[in-house]
C-alpha atoms as a PDB file:
ATOM      1  CA  UNK A   1       0.000   0.000   0.000  1.00  0.00           C
ATOM      2  CA  UNK A   2       1.463   3.323  -1.022  1.00  0.00           C
ATOM      3  CA  UNK A   3       1.181   6.266   1.278  1.00  0.00           C
ATOM      4  CA  UNK A   4      -0.271   9.381  -0.330  1.00  0.00           C
ATOM      5  CA  UNK A   5       0.115  12.829   1.106  1.00  0.00           C
ATOM      6  CA  UNK A   6      -3.216  14.601   1.506  1.00  0.00           C
ATOM      7  CA  UNK A   7      -3.326  18.338   1.044  1.00  0.00           C
ATOM      8  CA  UNK A   8      -6.205  20.713   1.679  1.00  0.00           C
ATOM      9  CA  UNK A   9      -8.512  21.011  -1.314  1.00  0.00           C
ATOM     10  CA  UNK A  10      -7.923  24.727  -1.738  1.00  0.00           C
ATOM     11  CA  UNK A  11      -4.192  24.150  -2.194  1.00  0.00           C
ATOM     12  CA  UNK A  12      -4.616  21.393  -4.761  1.00  0.00           C
ATOM     13  CA  UNK A  13      -7.282  23.109  -6.838  1.00  0.00           C
ATOM     14  CA  UNK A  14      -5.916  26.663  -6.850  1.00  0.00           C
ATOM     15  CA  UNK A  15      -3.198  28.097  -8.977  1.00  0.00           C
ATOM     16  CA  UNK A  16      -0.282  30.012  -7.484  1.00  0.00           C
ATOM     17  CA  UNK A  17      -1.767  33.373  -8.495  1.00  0.00           C
ATOM     18  CA  UNK A  18      -5.080  32.594  -6.851  1.00  0.00           C
ATOM     19  CA  UNK A  19      -3.321  31.646  -3.603  1.00  0.00           C
ATOM     20  CA  UNK A  20      -1.457  34.950  -3.615  1.00  0.00           C
ATOM     21  CA  UNK A  21      -4.698  36.828  -4.215  1.00  0.00           C
ATOM     22  CA  UNK A  22      -6.427  35.021  -1.357  1.00  0.00           C
ATOM     23  CA  UNK A  23      -3.460  35.763   0.947  1.00  0.00           C
ATOM     24  CA  UNK A  24      -3.724  39.445   0.030  1.00  0.00           C
ATOM     25  CA  UNK A  25      -7.473  39.393   0.676  1.00  0.00           C
ATOM     26  CA  UNK A  26      -6.877  37.874   4.110  1.00  0.00           C
ATOM     27  CA  UNK A  27      -4.260  40.520   4.948  1.00  0.00           C
ATOM     28  CA  UNK A  28      -6.574  43.331   3.839  1.00  0.00           C
ATOM     29  CA  UNK A  29      -9.424  41.860   5.910  1.00  0.00           C
ATOM     30  CA  UNK A  30      -7.143  41.665   8.963  1.00  0.00           C
ATOM     31  CA  UNK A  31      -6.082  45.277   8.478  1.00  0.00           C
ATOM     32  CA  UNK A  32      -9.738  46.332   8.368  1.00  0.00           C
ATOM     33  CA  UNK A  33     -10.411  44.405  11.586  1.00  0.00           C
ATOM     34  CA  UNK A  34      -7.323  45.971  13.175  1.00  0.00           C
ATOM     35  CA  UNK A  35      -8.601  49.421  12.238  1.00  0.00           C
ATOM     36  CA  UNK A  36     -11.976  48.657  13.832  1.00  0.00           C
ATOM     37  CA  UNK A  37     -10.673  46.908  16.975  1.00  0.00           C
ATOM     38  CA  UNK A  38      -7.811  47.975  19.244  1.00  0.00           C
ATOM     39  CA  UNK A  39      -5.917  45.820  21.742  1.00  0.00           C
ATOM     40  CA  UNK A  40      -5.004  47.148  25.210  1.00  0.00           C
ATOM     41  CA  UNK A  41      -1.585  48.406  24.087  1.00  0.00           C
ATOM     42  CA  UNK A  42      -3.101  50.253  21.122  1.00  0.00           C
ATOM     43  CA  UNK A  43      -5.762  51.773  23.393  1.00  0.00           C
ATOM     44  CA  UNK A  44      -3.074  52.932  25.821  1.00  0.00           C
ATOM     45  CA  UNK A  45      -1.104  54.556  22.997  1.00  0.00           C
ATOM     46  CA  UNK A  46      -4.260  56.157  21.572  1.00  0.00           C
ATOM     47  CA  UNK A  47      -5.202  57.618  24.970  1.00  0.00           C
ATOM     48  CA  UNK A  48      -1.618  58.530  25.894  1.00  0.00           C
ATOM     49  CA  UNK A  49      -1.821  56.502  29.095  1.00  0.00           C
ATOM     50  CA  UNK A  50       0.276  53.693  30.563  1.00  0.00           C
ATOM     51  CA  UNK A  51      -0.742  50.165  29.566  1.00  0.00           C
ATOM     52  CA  UNK A  52      -1.272  49.291  33.246  1.00  0.00           C
ATOM     53  CA  UNK A  53      -3.896  52.050  33.581  1.00  0.00           C
ATOM     54  CA  UNK A  54      -5.942  50.592  30.723  1.00  0.00           C
ATOM     55  CA  UNK A  55      -5.703  47.113  32.260  1.00  0.00           C
ATOM     56  CA  UNK A  56      -6.777  48.485  35.665  1.00  0.00           C
ATOM     57  CA  UNK A  57      -9.754  50.362  34.169  1.00  0.00           C
ATOM     58  CA  UNK A  58     -10.736  47.233  32.271  1.00  0.00           C
ATOM     59  CA  UNK A  59     -11.124  45.320  35.544  1.00  0.00           C
ATOM     60  CA  UNK A  60     -13.289  48.009  37.186  1.00  0.00           C
ATOM     61  CA  UNK A  61     -16.963  47.623  36.243  1.00  0.00           C
ATOM     62  CA  UNK A  62     -18.326  50.685  34.469  1.00  0.00           C
ATOM     63  CA  UNK A  63     -14.997  52.518  34.335  1.00  0.00           C
ATOM     64  CA  UNK A  64     -14.247  51.593  30.730  1.00  0.00           C
ATOM     65  CA  UNK A  65     -16.198  50.341  27.702  1.00  0.00           C
ATOM     66  CA  UNK A  66     -16.713  46.563  27.624  1.00  0.00           C
ATOM     67  CA  UNK A  67     -14.164  44.583  25.649  1.00  0.00           C
ATOM     68  CA  UNK A  68     -14.410  41.720  23.179  1.00  0.00           C
ATOM     69  CA  UNK A  69     -12.285  38.662  23.846  1.00  0.00           C
ATOM     70  CA  UNK A  70     -10.712  37.033  20.791  1.00  0.00           C
ATOM     71  CA  UNK A  71      -8.445  34.197  21.807  1.00  0.00           C
ATOM     72  CA  UNK A  72      -6.365  35.353  24.769  1.00  0.00           C
ATOM     73  CA  UNK A  73      -6.572  39.098  24.087  1.00  0.00           C
ATOM     74  CA  UNK A  74      -9.181  41.739  24.792  1.00  0.00           C
ATOM     75  CA  UNK A  75     -10.121  44.182  22.069  1.00  0.00           C
ATOM     76  CA  UNK A  76     -12.214  47.338  22.012  1.00  0.00           C
ATOM     77  CA  UNK A  77     -14.217  48.698  19.121  1.00  0.00           C
ATOM     78  CA  UNK A  78     -12.720  52.030  18.050  1.00  0.00           C
ATOM     79  CA  UNK A  79     -16.129  53.713  17.720  1.00  0.00           C
ATOM     80  CA  UNK A  80     -17.100  52.712  21.273  1.00  0.00           C
ATOM     81  CA  UNK A  81     -13.823  54.108  22.626  1.00  0.00           C
ATOM     82  CA  UNK A  82     -14.344  57.375  20.759  1.00  0.00           C
ATOM     83  CA  UNK A  83     -17.878  57.678  22.187  1.00  0.00           C
ATOM     84  CA  UNK A  84     -16.582  56.897  25.698  1.00  0.00           C
ATOM     85  CA  UNK A  85     -13.783  59.473  25.388  1.00  0.00           C
ATOM     86  CA  UNK A  86     -16.262  62.090  24.158  1.00  0.00           C
ATOM     87  CA  UNK A  87     -18.496  61.392  27.175  1.00  0.00           C
ATOM     88  CA  UNK A  88     -15.520  62.089  29.472  1.00  0.00           C
ATOM     89  CA  UNK A  89     -14.843  65.447  27.874  1.00  0.00           C
ATOM     90  CA  UNK A  90     -15.280  68.467  30.116  1.00  0.00           C
ATOM     91  CA  UNK A  91     -16.482  71.752  28.633  1.00  0.00           C
ATOM     92  CA  UNK A  92     -13.866  74.488  28.542  1.00  0.00           C
ATOM     93  CA  UNK A  93     -14.567  77.817  30.179  1.00  0.00           C
ATOM     94  CA  UNK A  94     -13.875  80.874  28.041  1.00  0.00           C
ATOM     95  CA  UNK A  95     -10.763  82.780  29.069  1.00  0.00           C
ATOM     96  CA  UNK A  96     -10.792  85.372  30.426  1.00  0.00           C
ATOM     97  CA  UNK A  97     -14.046  84.797  32.285  1.00  0.00           C
ATOM     98  CA  UNK A  98     -16.813  87.318  31.550  1.00  0.00           C
ATOM     99  CA  UNK A  99     -16.496  90.489  33.614  1.00  0.00           C
ATOM    100  CA  UNK A 100     -12.711  90.237  34.103  1.00  0.00           C
ATOM    101  CA  UNK A 101     -10.496  92.787  32.410  1.00  0.00           C
ATOM    102  CA  UNK A 102      -8.024  90.926  30.223  1.00  0.00           C
ATOM    103  CA  UNK A 103      -5.643  93.881  30.079  1.00  0.00           C
ATOM    104  CA  UNK A 104      -3.348  93.429  33.027  1.00  0.00           C
ATOM    105  CA  UNK A 105      -0.766  95.816  34.341  1.00  0.00           C
ATOM    106  CA  UNK A 106       2.771  94.665  33.655  1.00  0.00           C
ATOM    107  CA  UNK A 107       4.494  93.105  36.618  1.00  0.00           C
ATOM    108  CA  UNK A 108       7.781  94.654  37.658  1.00  0.00           C
ATOM    109  CA  UNK A 109      10.442  92.307  38.917  1.00  0.00           C
ATOM    110  CA  UNK A 110      12.604  93.365  41.808  1.00  0.00           C
ATOM    111  CA  UNK A 111      11.990  97.120  41.932  1.00  0.00           C
ATOM    112  CA  UNK A 112       9.425  99.598  42.991  1.00  0.00           C
ATOM    113  CA  UNK A 113       6.435 100.099  40.732  1.00  0.00           C
END
């Protein structure tokens, strides 16, 4: 009895060019997913915070948007993070506040006025 090596059907039936095209399609699909979902390190870089802060917030209920678990990693949807960050935004007060004269007298350093 001769031993035959079995290969997946897509490898046997496809030409080399088709395999390259499928590999490119997979890479493009992964890039699209990576643009939509961010891992904890990407979130930390995006927010300008330490990685440990993101991990700590993740463990506190209600402190951070819920994550999606793919394999061993947690991911966040970019749109949900943007909405969460916008909800944390504090309104800025106009400067100078109304009723305060913005023209200040120059300050002298070290001598009499």
